[in-house]
Every structure is written in C-alpha cells, then in structure tokens.
Amino acid sequence: MSSRREKIRSKVMDRIKIDEQSGCWIWTGPTSGESGRGAGYPRMSLDGQTVAVHLVMFTNEHGFIPGKKQIDHVCRNRLCVRPHPEHLEMVTPKRNAIRRERARAEIKCQELSR
C-alpha cells in the first residue's frame, strides 16, 4: 500500500504540466483567485481542507516549515510547485520580501527598456 506521502505526491503530480524551458512544475488545478492575500497561488483539497499546493509539496518532500519561515518561489512563478531549491526555498520573511522587491524592480526596468 502507498504511503501518505506517495498519495499526496501522486495527487499533485496528476495536476501539473512540466515547463521544459524553465523546469517549473506548473499547477493546472484551481488557484486562490485574482485578488486579496495569497492571490494566484495554487490550491487543492487535502483531508477536507483547502491548502496551498506549493506548501504541501515542500512539506511533503522536505518536512516541517517552522512558523518563522516562508517558502519563496525562487523561479518567480506562483504556479510552480516543484520542491527543488531552484524553484522553492525556505527563507525568512525578510529574505522573501527582499527577493520580491528585487523581482518587481527587475520587471519594472524591463518594462521601461521596451
């Protein structure tokens, strides 16, 4: 019989497509919507609760996420659920905020250079 971890991984893998160019595992299931806190993040039902898929995958593969840590999308793709250090990384809230602002600044620079 499959372990709980294997069942969770299988449930997630059934709803992803792999982006060959970026290596991202793109969630094709429901998301949290377009507005509000946590907007645009993948969501799934697990044991009767709606949960963030990237957090489920990270926890399933790497273990507990301490209360003072966050999972950063290093690849900058909110729909990516690949639990690999080039895609998801456990960081402090401060590190996450710095990376987010850096990414926004880069996008703004790219838009201005067009």
Protein backbone atom coordinates (compact mmCIF):
# COMPACT_ATOMS: atom_id res chain seq x y z
CA MET A 1 0.00 0.00 0.00
CA SER A 2 1.21 3.51 -0.82
CA SER A 3 2.32 5.79 1.97
CA ARG A 4 0.50 9.06 2.66
CA ARG A 5 3.43 10.98 1.19
CA GLU A 6 3.23 8.98 -2.05
CA LYS A 7 -0.53 9.56 -2.28
CA ILE A 8 -0.11 13.31 -1.79
CA ARG A 9 2.68 13.48 -4.37
CA SER A 10 0.59 11.49 -6.85
CA LYS A 11 -2.44 13.74 -6.29
CA VAL A 12 -0.32 16.82 -7.03
CA MET A 13 1.54 15.30 -9.98
CA ASP A 14 -1.79 14.45 -11.64
CA ARG A 15 -2.48 18.20 -11.89
CA ILE A 16 0.84 19.58 -13.16
CA LYS A 17 2.46 20.11 -16.52
CA ILE A 18 6.22 20.45 -16.78
CA ASP A 19 7.58 23.54 -18.49
CA GLU A 20 10.59 22.12 -20.36
CA GLN A 21 12.21 25.55 -20.72
CA SER A 22 12.09 26.68 -17.09
CA GLY A 23 11.84 23.32 -15.34
CA CYS A 24 8.80 24.59 -13.42
CA TRP A 25 6.07 22.15 -12.44
CA ILE A 26 3.04 24.25 -13.35
CA TRP A 27 -0.15 23.63 -11.37
CA THR A 28 -3.16 23.25 -13.68
CA GLY A 29 -5.77 22.96 -10.93
CA PRO A 30 -7.63 25.67 -9.00
CA THR A 31 -5.97 28.79 -7.60
CA SER A 32 -6.86 31.22 -4.85
CA GLY A 33 -8.26 33.79 -7.29
CA GLU A 34 -7.01 37.11 -8.55
CA SER A 35 -7.29 39.42 -5.55
CA GLY A 36 -6.50 39.52 -1.86
CA ARG A 37 -3.77 37.97 0.24
CA GLY A 38 -2.33 34.88 -1.42
CA ALA A 39 -3.92 35.70 -4.77
CA GLY A 40 -2.94 33.49 -7.67
CA TYR A 41 -1.42 30.66 -5.67
CA PRO A 42 -2.32 27.01 -6.39
CA ARG A 43 -4.91 25.47 -4.08
CA MET A 44 -6.11 21.92 -3.51
CA SER A 45 -8.27 19.99 -1.09
CA LEU A 46 -6.39 17.75 1.32
CA ASP A 47 -8.13 15.94 4.17
CA GLY A 48 -11.14 18.25 3.82
CA GLN A 49 -9.12 21.48 3.96
CA THR A 50 -8.10 23.87 1.20
CA VAL A 51 -4.32 24.20 1.22
CA ALA A 52 -1.56 25.91 -0.79
CA VAL A 53 -0.09 23.30 -3.14
CA HIS A 54 3.48 24.68 -3.08
CA LEU A 55 3.48 24.40 0.72
CA VAL A 56 2.09 20.87 0.57
CA MET A 57 4.76 19.78 -1.92
CA PHE A 58 7.59 21.42 0.02
CA THR A 59 6.45 19.88 3.31
CA ASN A 60 5.83 16.50 1.69
CA GLU A 61 9.36 16.39 0.26
CA HIS A 62 11.41 18.26 2.88
CA GLY A 63 9.45 18.22 6.14
CA PHE A 64 8.01 20.77 8.55
CA ILE A 65 8.15 24.51 7.80
CA PRO A 66 8.85 26.40 11.04
CA GLY A 67 6.47 29.23 11.97
CA LYS A 68 9.05 31.93 11.33
CA LYS A 69 9.89 30.72 7.82
CA GLN A 70 8.24 31.10 4.43
CA ILE A 71 8.54 29.32 1.12
CA ASP A 72 9.86 31.57 -1.65
CA HIS A 73 9.25 30.91 -5.33
CA VAL A 74 12.86 31.34 -6.44
CA CYS A 75 11.70 30.83 -10.04
CA ARG A 76 9.23 33.74 -9.53
CA ASN A 77 6.31 31.62 -10.85
CA ARG A 78 3.46 31.37 -8.34
CA LEU A 79 2.00 28.36 -10.17
CA CYS A 80 5.24 26.37 -9.78
CA VAL A 81 5.03 23.60 -7.18
CA ARG A 82 8.40 21.92 -7.83
CA PRO A 83 10.07 21.24 -4.43
CA HIS A 84 13.59 21.85 -5.74
CA PRO A 85 15.94 24.62 -4.47
CA GLU A 86 15.92 26.34 -7.88
CA HIS A 87 12.13 26.67 -7.56
CA LEU A 88 11.04 26.62 -3.90
CA GLU A 89 13.23 27.59 -0.96
CA MET A 90 12.58 28.06 2.76
CA VAL A 91 13.56 31.59 3.77
CA THR A 92 12.89 34.22 6.43
CA PRO A 93 10.07 36.71 5.78
CA LYS A 94 12.70 39.44 5.39
CA ARG A 95 14.62 37.48 2.71
CA ASN A 96 11.34 36.74 0.93
CA ALA A 97 10.38 40.45 0.94
CA ILE A 98 13.82 41.48 -0.37
CA ARG A 99 13.63 38.98 -3.22
CA ARG A 100 10.07 40.02 -4.06
CA GLU A 101 11.03 43.70 -4.26
CA ARG A 102 14.11 42.87 -6.34
CA ALA A 103 11.96 40.90 -8.78
CA ARG A 104 9.45 43.76 -9.03
CA ALA A 105 12.26 46.23 -9.71
CA GLU A 106 13.67 43.98 -12.44
CA ILE A 107 10.25 43.72 -14.10
CA LYS A 108 9.83 47.49 -13.94
CA CYS A 109 13.27 48.02 -15.52
CA GLN A 110 12.43 45.55 -18.30
CA GLU A 111 9.15 47.36 -18.99
CA LEU A 112 10.88 50.74 -19.13
CA SER A 113 13.55 49.47 -21.51
CA ARG A 114 10.96 48.36 -24.10
